[in-house]
Amino acid sequence: MSFLTRALSVAAAAVLASSLVAVPAQAVDISPPGANDWSCKPSAAHPYPVVLVPGTFESMEKNWSTMSPYLKSEGYCVFALNYGQTNGVYATAPVKDSAKELAPFVDAVRSATGAKQVDLVGHSQGGMMPRYYMGFLGGAKYIHQLVGIAPSNHGAEGVILPPPDLVPTPDYTAAGCAACADQQAGSPFMQELNSIGDTVAGPAYTVISTTHDEVVIPYNSQYLNGSARQVTNITIQDKCPADVIEHDQTPNDPVVHQLVGNALAQPSGPADPTYQPVCI
C-alpha cells in the first residue's frame, strides 16, 4: 500500500469514527410479545383495547415483556408504544411532551379497532403521565380506565437515576432527563398536574403499589384521592404479604398480572378492592 493510499485510508477511518461519535444513539422500536396487532378487533367480553405505557428509561419491549402476552392470552387487543426519546433513551423528555405523543397513539388504536375508548395500563411515569393527557389535553373522554403500576402520581422524594444497562452513553446522567426533574415531589410539573385534583370526571382509576418500592417513595404517595366508585388503591402486600417485588419489576409480578386483569375485567369503575389474587 502506497503512502498516499495509506494516508487516505487513515483519514477516511478518522472521518467515519468521528461521524459515529457525533450521531446520537437511536433506540429501536420493538413491540413486546402479543402487542400491536393492528388487525385485532375487541371482543364483546373485552370491548376496550389495552394500551401499555412504559416508565422512565424503559422501552415497551422490556417493560411489558410478560404483561403483554399475559393480557393477550386473556383475550385482549393489546397495544404498546415508546415515547419521550431524548439522547436515545425513552421516556426522558418533559412529561407534557410525552403526553402529547400518547394522544395520537390512542387515536390510532381507536381508529384501528373501532373502539370509542381504551384502557391504559402504565408503569411508573407511564402510570402518571396519562393523567396529564386526560386532564389537560382532552383525553378523558377516550379513556375507560387508567391502571397505574407503581405510578409517580405525586412525585418521588428520592432521586430518579437511570439503570446502568439502559444508558447508551457513558456521560448520560439523570441531569439530562427532563422527565426525572418533572417527577420530583413538589416540582412545577407535579404542582400543575395535581392542581385540578387527582382525578377527572369519566375514567376509572386503579393504583397498584408495593411497600418495597425504592423509587417512588413513599409508596403511598402513589395513591389517588377519589370516591370508591372511581378509585381503587391497592397495596400488593395487603393481598400477598410475602411478595417482595420492588419498583422496576412490578409489571412482571404474577400477582400484579392478576390485579391488572381484575381491574380490566370491570365493566365500569375501578378494580374490585375485595379481589384476592393467588399469591405466588
C-alpha atoms as a PDB file:
ATOM      1  CA  MET A   1       0.000   0.000   0.000  1.00  0.00           C
ATOM      2  CA  SER A   2       1.414   3.368  -1.025  1.00  0.00           C
ATOM      3  CA  PHE A   3       1.906   6.196   1.443  1.00  0.00           C
ATOM      4  CA  LEU A   4      -0.889   8.158  -0.274  1.00  0.00           C
ATOM      5  CA  THR A   5      -3.307   5.215  -0.174  1.00  0.00           C
ATOM      6  CA  ARG A   6      -2.460   4.550   3.457  1.00  0.00           C
ATOM      7  CA  ALA A   7      -2.954   8.225   4.351  1.00  0.00           C
ATOM      8  CA  LEU A   8      -6.318   8.342   2.600  1.00  0.00           C
ATOM      9  CA  SER A   9      -7.424   5.182   4.411  1.00  0.00           C
ATOM     10  CA  VAL A  10      -6.437   6.597   7.784  1.00  0.00           C
ATOM     11  CA  ALA A  11      -8.214   9.870   7.017  1.00  0.00           C
ATOM     12  CA  ALA A  12     -11.364   8.050   5.921  1.00  0.00           C
ATOM     13  CA  ALA A  13     -11.327   5.960   9.070  1.00  0.00           C
ATOM     14  CA  ALA A  14     -10.939   9.080  11.190  1.00  0.00           C
ATOM     15  CA  VAL A  15     -13.896  10.741   9.468  1.00  0.00           C
ATOM     16  CA  LEU A  16     -16.015   7.634   9.927  1.00  0.00           C
ATOM     17  CA  ALA A  17     -15.075   7.358  13.598  1.00  0.00           C
ATOM     18  CA  SER A  18     -15.858  10.999  14.240  1.00  0.00           C
ATOM     19  CA  SER A  19     -19.209  10.683  12.500  1.00  0.00           C
ATOM     20  CA  LEU A  20     -20.102   7.653  14.632  1.00  0.00           C
ATOM     21  CA  VAL A  21     -19.315   9.563  17.786  1.00  0.00           C
ATOM     22  CA  ALA A  22     -21.305  12.591  16.654  1.00  0.00           C
ATOM     23  CA  VAL A  23     -24.505  10.668  15.878  1.00  0.00           C
ATOM     24  CA  PRO A  24     -26.690  10.263  18.995  1.00  0.00           C
ATOM     25  CA  ALA A  25     -27.810   6.803  19.981  1.00  0.00           C
ATOM     26  CA  GLN A  26     -31.030   5.762  18.268  1.00  0.00           C
ATOM     27  CA  ALA A  27     -33.366   3.376  20.045  1.00  0.00           C
ATOM     28  CA  VAL A  28     -35.130   0.711  18.013  1.00  0.00           C
ATOM     29  CA  ASP A  29     -38.862   0.183  18.426  1.00  0.00           C
ATOM     30  CA  ILE A  30     -39.611  -3.479  19.135  1.00  0.00           C
ATOM     31  CA  SER A  31     -43.066  -4.476  20.328  1.00  0.00           C
ATOM     32  CA  PRO A  32     -43.437  -6.838  23.289  1.00  0.00           C
ATOM     33  CA  PRO A  33     -44.965 -10.268  22.548  1.00  0.00           C
ATOM     34  CA  GLY A  34     -48.667 -10.040  21.836  1.00  0.00           C
ATOM     35  CA  ALA A  35     -48.776  -6.284  21.260  1.00  0.00           C
ATOM     36  CA  ASN A  36     -49.505  -4.095  18.249  1.00  0.00           C
ATOM     37  CA  ASP A  37     -51.553  -6.443  16.123  1.00  0.00           C
ATOM     38  CA  TRP A  38     -53.341  -3.655  14.274  1.00  0.00           C
ATOM     39  CA  SER A  39     -55.856  -6.113  12.815  1.00  0.00           C
ATOM     40  CA  CYS A  40     -57.129  -7.097  16.294  1.00  0.00           C
ATOM     41  CA  LYS A  41     -60.794  -6.354  16.963  1.00  0.00           C
ATOM     42  CA  PRO A  42     -62.065  -6.207  20.569  1.00  0.00           C
ATOM     43  CA  SER A  43     -64.477  -8.922  21.636  1.00  0.00           C
ATOM     44  CA  ALA A  44     -67.761  -8.467  23.468  1.00  0.00           C
ATOM     45  CA  ALA A  45     -66.066  -9.868  26.574  1.00  0.00           C
ATOM     46  CA  HIS A  46     -63.164  -7.385  26.295  1.00  0.00           C
ATOM     47  CA  PRO A  47     -64.512  -4.366  24.431  1.00  0.00           C
ATOM     48  CA  TYR A  48     -61.723  -1.958  25.379  1.00  0.00           C
ATOM     49  CA  PRO A  49     -58.296  -2.223  23.726  1.00  0.00           C
ATOM     50  CA  VAL A  50     -55.438  -2.039  26.225  1.00  0.00           C
ATOM     51  CA  VAL A  51     -52.613   0.456  25.700  1.00  0.00           C
ATOM     52  CA  LEU A  52     -49.426  -0.265  27.681  1.00  0.00           C
ATOM     53  CA  VAL A  53     -47.403   2.817  28.652  1.00  0.00           C
ATOM     54  CA  PRO A  54     -43.780   2.242  29.814  1.00  0.00           C
ATOM     55  CA  GLY A  55     -41.952   4.015  32.630  1.00  0.00           C
ATOM     56  CA  THR A  56     -38.923   6.316  32.630  1.00  0.00           C
ATOM     57  CA  PHE A  57     -35.874   4.952  30.769  1.00  0.00           C
ATOM     58  CA  GLU A  58     -37.926   1.923  29.674  1.00  0.00           C
ATOM     59  CA  SER A  59     -38.844   0.581  26.251  1.00  0.00           C
ATOM     60  CA  MET A  60     -42.162  -1.110  25.621  1.00  0.00           C
ATOM     61  CA  GLU A  61     -40.269  -4.295  24.750  1.00  0.00           C
ATOM     62  CA  LYS A  62     -38.557  -4.517  28.152  1.00  0.00           C
ATOM     63  CA  ASN A  63     -41.265  -3.038  30.351  1.00  0.00           C
ATOM     64  CA  TRP A  64     -44.087  -5.236  29.050  1.00  0.00           C
ATOM     65  CA  SER A  65     -42.327  -8.494  28.133  1.00  0.00           C
ATOM     66  CA  THR A  66     -44.593 -10.536  30.426  1.00  0.00           C
ATOM     67  CA  MET A  67     -47.672  -8.332  30.912  1.00  0.00           C
ATOM     68  CA  SER A  68     -48.367  -8.024  27.193  1.00  0.00           C
ATOM     69  CA  PRO A  69     -48.517 -11.765  26.432  1.00  0.00           C
ATOM     70  CA  TYR A  70     -50.498 -12.325  29.635  1.00  0.00           C
ATOM     71  CA  LEU A  71     -53.194  -9.871  28.578  1.00  0.00           C
ATOM     72  CA  LYS A  72     -53.153 -11.171  25.005  1.00  0.00           C
ATOM     73  CA  SER A  73     -53.719 -14.706  26.298  1.00  0.00           C
ATOM     74  CA  GLU A  74     -56.687 -13.390  28.272  1.00  0.00           C
ATOM     75  CA  GLY A  75     -58.292 -12.226  25.034  1.00  0.00           C
ATOM     76  CA  TYR A  76     -57.466  -8.513  24.963  1.00  0.00           C
ATOM     77  CA  CYS A  77     -56.349  -6.472  21.998  1.00  0.00           C
ATOM     78  CA  VAL A  78     -53.019  -5.166  23.311  1.00  0.00           C
ATOM     79  CA  PHE A  79     -51.057  -2.175  22.080  1.00  0.00           C
ATOM     80  CA  ALA A  80     -47.868  -0.535  23.348  1.00  0.00           C
ATOM     81  CA  LEU A  81     -45.745   2.474  22.484  1.00  0.00           C
ATOM     82  CA  ASN A  82     -42.407   4.095  23.102  1.00  0.00           C
ATOM     83  CA  TYR A  83     -42.357   7.821  23.784  1.00  0.00           C
ATOM     84  CA  GLY A  84     -40.311  10.765  25.013  1.00  0.00           C
ATOM     85  CA  GLN A  85     -36.974   9.752  23.497  1.00  0.00           C
ATOM     86  CA  THR A  86     -34.009  12.038  24.168  1.00  0.00           C
ATOM     87  CA  ASN A  87     -30.359  11.112  23.620  1.00  0.00           C
ATOM     88  CA  GLY A  88     -31.520   7.679  22.528  1.00  0.00           C
ATOM     89  CA  VAL A  89     -33.275   6.987  25.834  1.00  0.00           C
ATOM     90  CA  TYR A  90     -37.022   6.515  26.054  1.00  0.00           C
ATOM     91  CA  ALA A  91     -39.412   8.345  28.382  1.00  0.00           C
ATOM     92  CA  THR A  92     -36.935  11.047  29.397  1.00  0.00           C
ATOM     93  CA  ALA A  93     -38.495  14.059  27.647  1.00  0.00           C
ATOM     94  CA  PRO A  94     -40.650  16.564  29.549  1.00  0.00           C
ATOM     95  CA  VAL A  95     -43.778  14.750  30.689  1.00  0.00           C
ATOM     96  CA  LYS A  96     -46.033  17.259  28.933  1.00  0.00           C
ATOM     97  CA  ASP A  97     -44.340  16.470  25.620  1.00  0.00           C
ATOM     98  CA  SER A  98     -44.706  12.740  26.217  1.00  0.00           C
ATOM     99  CA  ALA A  99     -48.419  13.172  26.923  1.00  0.00           C
ATOM    100  CA  LYS A 100     -48.701  14.826  23.513  1.00  0.00           C
ATOM    101  CA  GLU A 101     -47.221  11.670  21.976  1.00  0.00           C
ATOM    102  CA  LEU A 102     -49.693   9.446  23.809  1.00  0.00           C
ATOM    103  CA  ALA A 103     -52.682  11.322  22.361  1.00  0.00           C
ATOM    104  CA  PRO A 104     -52.224  10.355  18.673  1.00  0.00           C
ATOM    105  CA  PHE A 105     -51.343   6.784  19.631  1.00  0.00           C
ATOM    106  CA  VAL A 106     -54.644   6.406  21.484  1.00  0.00           C
ATOM    107  CA  ASP A 107     -56.400   7.906  18.462  1.00  0.00           C
ATOM    108  CA  ALA A 108     -54.672   5.403  16.178  1.00  0.00           C
ATOM    109  CA  VAL A 109     -55.712   2.463  18.385  1.00  0.00           C
ATOM    110  CA  ARG A 110     -59.309   3.665  18.481  1.00  0.00           C
ATOM    111  CA  SER A 111     -59.349   4.128  14.729  1.00  0.00           C
ATOM    112  CA  ALA A 112     -57.872   0.677  14.017  1.00  0.00           C
ATOM    113  CA  THR A 113     -60.110  -1.203  16.456  1.00  0.00           C
ATOM    114  CA  GLY A 114     -63.300   0.806  16.141  1.00  0.00           C
ATOM    115  CA  ALA A 115     -63.423   1.247  19.929  1.00  0.00           C
ATOM    116  CA  LYS A 116     -64.618   4.564  21.318  1.00  0.00           C
ATOM    117  CA  GLN A 117     -62.464   4.192  24.440  1.00  0.00           C
ATOM    118  CA  VAL A 118     -59.342   2.328  25.547  1.00  0.00           C
ATOM    119  CA  ASP A 119     -57.930   1.133  28.849  1.00  0.00           C
ATOM    120  CA  LEU A 120     -54.468   2.396  29.786  1.00  0.00           C
ATOM    121  CA  VAL A 121     -52.019   0.336  31.858  1.00  0.00           C
ATOM    122  CA  GLY A 122     -48.899   2.282  32.790  1.00  0.00           C
ATOM    123  CA  HIS A 123     -45.816   1.681  34.904  1.00  0.00           C
ATOM    124  CA  SER A 124     -44.131   4.412  36.964  1.00  0.00           C
ATOM    125  CA  GLN A 125     -44.117   7.555  34.785  1.00  0.00           C
ATOM    126  CA  GLY A 126     -46.372   5.636  32.414  1.00  0.00           C
ATOM    127  CA  GLY A 127     -48.998   5.350  35.141  1.00  0.00           C
ATOM    128  CA  MET A 128     -48.883   9.070  35.876  1.00  0.00           C
ATOM    129  CA  MET A 129     -48.247  10.765  32.506  1.00  0.00           C
ATOM    130  CA  PRO A 130     -51.665   9.741  31.089  1.00  0.00           C
ATOM    131  CA  ARG A 131     -53.286  11.841  33.810  1.00  0.00           C
ATOM    132  CA  TYR A 132     -51.881  14.924  32.075  1.00  0.00           C
ATOM    133  CA  TYR A 133     -53.273  13.697  28.752  1.00  0.00           C
ATOM    134  CA  MET A 134     -56.648  13.107  30.389  1.00  0.00           C
ATOM    135  CA  GLY A 135     -56.788  16.283  32.456  1.00  0.00           C
ATOM    136  CA  PHE A 136     -55.112  18.861  30.223  1.00  0.00           C
ATOM    137  CA  LEU A 137     -55.195  17.550  26.640  1.00  0.00           C
ATOM    138  CA  GLY A 138     -58.816  16.461  26.412  1.00  0.00           C
ATOM    139  CA  GLY A 139     -58.101  12.737  26.584  1.00  0.00           C
ATOM    140  CA  ALA A 140     -60.513  11.810  29.388  1.00  0.00           C
ATOM    141  CA  LYS A 141     -63.388  11.054  27.011  1.00  0.00           C
ATOM    142  CA  TYR A 142     -61.287   8.425  25.261  1.00  0.00           C
ATOM    143  CA  ILE A 143     -60.245   6.520  28.408  1.00  0.00           C
ATOM    144  CA  HIS A 144     -62.360   3.900  30.153  1.00  0.00           C
ATOM    145  CA  GLN A 145     -59.851   3.164  32.930  1.00  0.00           C
ATOM    146  CA  LEU A 146     -56.273   4.025  33.879  1.00  0.00           C
ATOM    147  CA  VAL A 147     -54.385   1.324  35.770  1.00  0.00           C
ATOM    148  CA  GLY A 148     -51.173   2.661  37.301  1.00  0.00           C
ATOM    149  CA  ILE A 149     -48.487   0.223  38.461  1.00  0.00           C
ATOM    150  CA  ALA A 150     -46.154   1.968  40.937  1.00  0.00           C
ATOM    151  CA  PRO A 151     -47.130   5.330  39.396  1.00  0.00           C
ATOM    152  CA  SER A 152     -45.406   8.604  40.283  1.00  0.00           C
ATOM    153  CA  ASN A 153     -48.717  10.367  40.870  1.00  0.00           C
ATOM    154  CA  HIS A 154     -47.403  12.879  43.404  1.00  0.00           C
ATOM    155  CA  GLY A 155     -43.717  12.705  42.585  1.00  0.00           C
ATOM    156  CA  ALA A 156     -40.816  10.906  44.180  1.00  0.00           C
ATOM    157  CA  GLU A 157     -38.881  12.161  47.180  1.00  0.00           C
ATOM    158  CA  GLY A 158     -35.770  10.266  46.121  1.00  0.00           C
ATOM    159  CA  VAL A 159     -33.527  10.841  43.096  1.00  0.00           C
ATOM    160  CA  ILE A 160     -34.599   9.062  39.921  1.00  0.00           C
ATOM    161  CA  LEU A 161     -31.467   7.558  38.369  1.00  0.00           C
ATOM    162  CA  PRO A 162     -31.136   5.598  35.112  1.00  0.00           C
ATOM    163  CA  PRO A 163     -30.323   1.884  35.375  1.00  0.00           C
ATOM    164  CA  PRO A 164     -26.761   1.422  34.039  1.00  0.00           C
ATOM    165  CA  ASP A 165     -27.845  -1.172  31.463  1.00  0.00           C
ATOM    166  CA  LEU A 166     -30.243   1.317  29.869  1.00  0.00           C
ATOM    167  CA  VAL A 167     -27.794   4.203  29.466  1.00  0.00           C
ATOM    168  CA  PRO A 168     -26.493   4.406  25.861  1.00  0.00           C
ATOM    169  CA  THR A 169     -23.515   6.706  26.530  1.00  0.00           C
ATOM    170  CA  PRO A 170     -21.133   6.875  29.496  1.00  0.00           C
ATOM    171  CA  ASP A 171     -21.770  10.570  30.102  1.00  0.00           C
ATOM    172  CA  TYR A 172     -25.568  10.322  30.173  1.00  0.00           C
ATOM    173  CA  THR A 173     -26.889  11.155  33.630  1.00  0.00           C
ATOM    174  CA  ALA A 174     -30.203  11.935  35.271  1.00  0.00           C
ATOM    175  CA  ALA A 175     -29.317  15.620  34.805  1.00  0.00           C
ATOM    176  CA  GLY A 176     -30.215  15.143  31.140  1.00  0.00           C
ATOM    177  CA  CYS A 177     -33.600  13.649  31.969  1.00  0.00           C
ATOM    178  CA  ALA A 178     -36.341  16.285  31.968  1.00  0.00           C
ATOM    179  CA  ALA A 179     -38.900  13.669  32.987  1.00  0.00           C
ATOM    180  CA  CYS A 180     -36.842  12.922  36.096  1.00  0.00           C
ATOM    181  CA  ALA A 181     -36.991  16.555  37.172  1.00  0.00           C
ATOM    182  CA  ASP A 182     -40.725  16.665  36.430  1.00  0.00           C
ATOM    183  CA  GLN A 183     -41.272  13.657  38.680  1.00  0.00           C
ATOM    184  CA  GLN A 184     -39.617  15.097  41.751  1.00  0.00           C
ATOM    185  CA  ALA A 185     -42.097  15.745  44.555  1.00  0.00           C
ATOM    186  CA  GLY A 186     -43.091  19.412  44.559  1.00  0.00           C
ATOM    187  CA  SER A 187     -41.809  20.124  41.045  1.00  0.00           C
ATOM    188  CA  PRO A 188     -43.643  22.763  38.990  1.00  0.00           C
ATOM    189  CA  PHE A 189     -44.991  19.991  36.782  1.00  0.00           C
ATOM    190  CA  MET A 190     -46.325  18.000  39.745  1.00  0.00           C
ATOM    191  CA  GLN A 191     -47.977  21.103  41.139  1.00  0.00           C
ATOM    192  CA  GLU A 192     -49.696  21.743  37.824  1.00  0.00           C
ATOM    193  CA  LEU A 193     -50.717  18.112  37.317  1.00  0.00           C
ATOM    194  CA  ASN A 194     -52.444  17.881  40.688  1.00  0.00           C
ATOM    195  CA  SER A 195     -53.838  21.413  40.702  1.00  0.00           C
ATOM    196  CA  ILE A 196     -57.085  20.097  39.204  1.00  0.00           C
ATOM    197  CA  GLY A 197     -57.323  17.199  41.665  1.00  0.00           C
ATOM    198  CA  ASP A 198     -56.185  13.608  41.401  1.00  0.00           C
ATOM    199  CA  THR A 199     -58.956  12.538  39.029  1.00  0.00           C
ATOM    200  CA  VAL A 200     -61.145  13.943  36.295  1.00  0.00           C
ATOM    201  CA  ALA A 201     -64.730  13.040  35.517  1.00  0.00           C
ATOM    202  CA  GLY A 202     -65.297   9.946  33.407  1.00  0.00           C
ATOM    203  CA  PRO A 203     -62.439   7.423  33.661  1.00  0.00           C
ATOM    204  CA  ALA A 204     -61.941   4.953  36.496  1.00  0.00           C
ATOM    205  CA  TYR A 205     -58.570   4.688  38.237  1.00  0.00           C
ATOM    206  CA  THR A 206     -56.758   1.717  39.782  1.00  0.00           C
ATOM    207  CA  VAL A 207     -53.396   2.117  41.522  1.00  0.00           C
ATOM    208  CA  ILE A 208     -51.194  -0.900  42.357  1.00  0.00           C
ATOM    209  CA  SER A 209     -48.310  -0.211  44.758  1.00  0.00           C
ATOM    210  CA  THR A 210     -45.641  -2.172  46.605  1.00  0.00           C
ATOM    211  CA  THR A 211     -44.283  -1.388  50.051  1.00  0.00           C
ATOM    212  CA  HIS A 212     -40.853  -2.379  48.686  1.00  0.00           C
ATOM    213  CA  ASP A 213     -40.798   0.470  46.163  1.00  0.00           C
ATOM    214  CA  GLU A 214     -37.391   2.124  46.318  1.00  0.00           C
ATOM    215  CA  VAL A 215     -38.004   4.692  43.561  1.00  0.00           C
ATOM    216  CA  VAL A 216     -41.409   6.333  44.022  1.00  0.00           C
ATOM    217  CA  ILE A 217     -41.295   6.901  47.764  1.00  0.00           C
ATOM    218  CA  PRO A 218     -43.129   6.971  49.999  1.00  0.00           C
ATOM    219  CA  TYR A 219     -45.066   4.226  48.247  1.00  0.00           C
ATOM    220  CA  ASN A 220     -48.421   5.531  49.445  1.00  0.00           C
ATOM    221  CA  SER A 221     -47.769   8.816  47.612  1.00  0.00           C
ATOM    222  CA  GLN A 222     -48.800   6.822  44.564  1.00  0.00           C
ATOM    223  CA  TYR A 223     -52.394   6.614  45.787  1.00  0.00           C
ATOM    224  CA  LEU A 224     -55.104   8.770  44.259  1.00  0.00           C
ATOM    225  CA  ASN A 225     -57.843  10.563  46.155  1.00  0.00           C
ATOM    226  CA  GLY A 226     -61.324   9.851  44.898  1.00  0.00           C
ATOM    227  CA  SER A 227     -64.592   8.111  45.604  1.00  0.00           C
ATOM    228  CA  ALA A 228     -64.730   4.330  45.819  1.00  0.00           C
ATOM    229  CA  ARG A 229     -66.862   4.381  42.677  1.00  0.00           C
ATOM    230  CA  GLN A 230     -63.968   5.862  40.718  1.00  0.00           C
ATOM    231  CA  VAL A 231     -60.726   4.953  42.515  1.00  0.00           C
ATOM    232  CA  THR A 232     -59.244   1.758  43.968  1.00  0.00           C
ATOM    233  CA  ASN A 233     -55.811   1.911  45.624  1.00  0.00           C
ATOM    234  CA  ILE A 234     -54.190  -1.494  46.126  1.00  0.00           C
ATOM    235  CA  THR A 235     -51.060  -2.362  48.103  1.00  0.00           C
ATOM    236  CA  ILE A 236     -49.673  -5.686  46.911  1.00  0.00           C
ATOM    237  CA  GLN A 237     -48.606  -6.753  50.400  1.00  0.00           C
ATOM    238  CA  ASP A 238     -52.158  -6.304  51.712  1.00  0.00           C
ATOM    239  CA  LYS A 239     -53.062  -9.130  49.343  1.00  0.00           C
ATOM    240  CA  CYS A 240     -49.841 -11.162  49.456  1.00  0.00           C
ATOM    241  CA  PRO A 241     -47.718 -10.210  52.497  1.00  0.00           C
ATOM    242  CA  ALA A 242     -44.712 -12.301  51.420  1.00  0.00           C
ATOM    243  CA  ASP A 243     -44.443 -10.641  47.994  1.00  0.00           C
ATOM    244  CA  VAL A 244     -41.181  -8.647  47.956  1.00  0.00           C
ATOM    245  CA  ILE A 245     -41.463  -7.229  44.432  1.00  0.00           C
ATOM    246  CA  GLU A 246     -39.789  -3.817  44.010  1.00  0.00           C
ATOM    247  CA  HIS A 247     -40.414  -0.897  41.679  1.00  0.00           C
ATOM    248  CA  ASP A 248     -38.727  -1.925  38.444  1.00  0.00           C
ATOM    249  CA  GLN A 249     -40.102  -5.469  38.303  1.00  0.00           C
ATOM    250  CA  THR A 250     -43.707  -4.838  39.330  1.00  0.00           C
ATOM    251  CA  PRO A 251     -45.035  -5.291  35.758  1.00  0.00           C
ATOM    252  CA  ASN A 252     -43.524  -8.799  35.745  1.00  0.00           C
ATOM    253  CA  ASP A 253     -45.074  -9.927  39.036  1.00  0.00           C
ATOM    254  CA  PRO A 254     -47.722 -12.662  38.532  1.00  0.00           C
ATOM    255  CA  VAL A 255     -49.704 -11.126  41.388  1.00  0.00           C
ATOM    256  CA  VAL A 256     -49.714  -7.783  39.583  1.00  0.00           C
ATOM    257  CA  HIS A 257     -50.832  -9.528  36.395  1.00  0.00           C
ATOM    258  CA  GLN A 258     -53.870 -10.831  38.250  1.00  0.00           C
ATOM    259  CA  LEU A 259     -54.640  -7.446  39.814  1.00  0.00           C
ATOM    260  CA  VAL A 260     -54.434  -5.740  36.427  1.00  0.00           C
ATOM    261  CA  GLY A 261     -56.666  -8.446  34.955  1.00  0.00           C
ATOM    262  CA  ASN A 262     -59.261  -7.874  37.653  1.00  0.00           C
ATOM    263  CA  ALA A 263     -59.236  -4.123  37.028  1.00  0.00           C
ATOM    264  CA  LEU A 264     -59.648  -4.519  33.273  1.00  0.00           C
ATOM    265  CA  ALA A 265     -62.467  -7.034  33.741  1.00  0.00           C
ATOM    266  CA  GLN A 266     -64.698  -4.437  35.400  1.00  0.00           C
ATOM    267  CA  PRO A 267     -67.405  -3.215  33.006  1.00  0.00           C
ATOM    268  CA  SER A 268     -67.439   0.084  34.887  1.00  0.00           C
ATOM    269  CA  GLY A 269     -65.479   1.509  37.766  1.00  0.00           C
ATOM    270  CA  PRO A 270     -62.029   0.513  39.067  1.00  0.00           C
ATOM    271  CA  ALA A 271     -60.703  -2.820  40.342  1.00  0.00           C
ATOM    272  CA  ASP A 272     -62.681  -4.740  42.930  1.00  0.00           C
ATOM    273  CA  PRO A 273     -60.926  -3.886  46.224  1.00  0.00           C
ATOM    274  CA  THR A 274     -62.007  -7.236  47.736  1.00  0.00           C
ATOM    275  CA  TYR A 275     -60.455  -9.315  44.952  1.00  0.00           C
ATOM    276  CA  GLN A 276     -57.835 -11.778  46.226  1.00  0.00           C
ATOM    277  CA  PRO A 277     -55.171 -12.892  43.741  1.00  0.00           C
ATOM    278  CA  VAL A 278     -53.350 -16.190  44.044  1.00  0.00           C
ATOM    279  CA  CYS A 279     -50.105 -15.444  45.877  1.00  0.00           C
ATOM    280  CA  ILE A 280     -47.079 -16.874  44.126  1.00  0.00           C
END
